[in-house]
Amino acid sequence: MPWESVFCTILLLCECAKSVSCPVPSSDGTPTNYRADIHVCIPQPVTILRTGKWGRPQKVIDPSFLDETVSNFRQIKLTELACLLGMHRNMLCSYMKHHGIECHYSALSNAELDQVIMQFKAARPDSGLCYVIGHLQALGHHVQYQRVLHSLCRVDHIR
């Protein structure tokens, strides 16, 4: 019985070691980082462009990464994204404007919003505001909090 648990632990450690960088000596004896899962690609969305001039180097963001990141399905705040990328929010906004990337709300009319919320409330009548907002986000709609609140009041007939 104890041998089975030891064997399972050894198998688990071997599986974990496959995905961790391990120093392996190369032909000249210097250790190199070996990674068993070489098919893993870690994206580098920001590249630093050094011009040799005075001041900070320019940061260049991959436009396709930025477009995917600010899509309606992601719900990432621009301030948080700028902090993660290591730049100021205004610089991120100007970069988005330069590349024509917009982060805007969904163009749902009040009647369409009411219809979507009515369908959701028919399936889940006891759900509140947070669940309704989560449902809208799952459908890919980015709607203002106040609009959802007013629509919920119209649908539920509450004040």
Foldseek 3Di string as FASTA:
>chain_A
DVVVVVVVVVVVVVVVVQQDFDFDADPVGGTDTDHNPPVDDDDDQWDWADDPDDDGTDIDGDVVVVLVCLALLNPDDLCVVCVVNVHHSVVVVVNCVVVVRDRDFDPDDLVRLLVLVLVVCVVPVPDDLVVSCVVCSVVSGGDDSVSSVVSVCVNVVHD
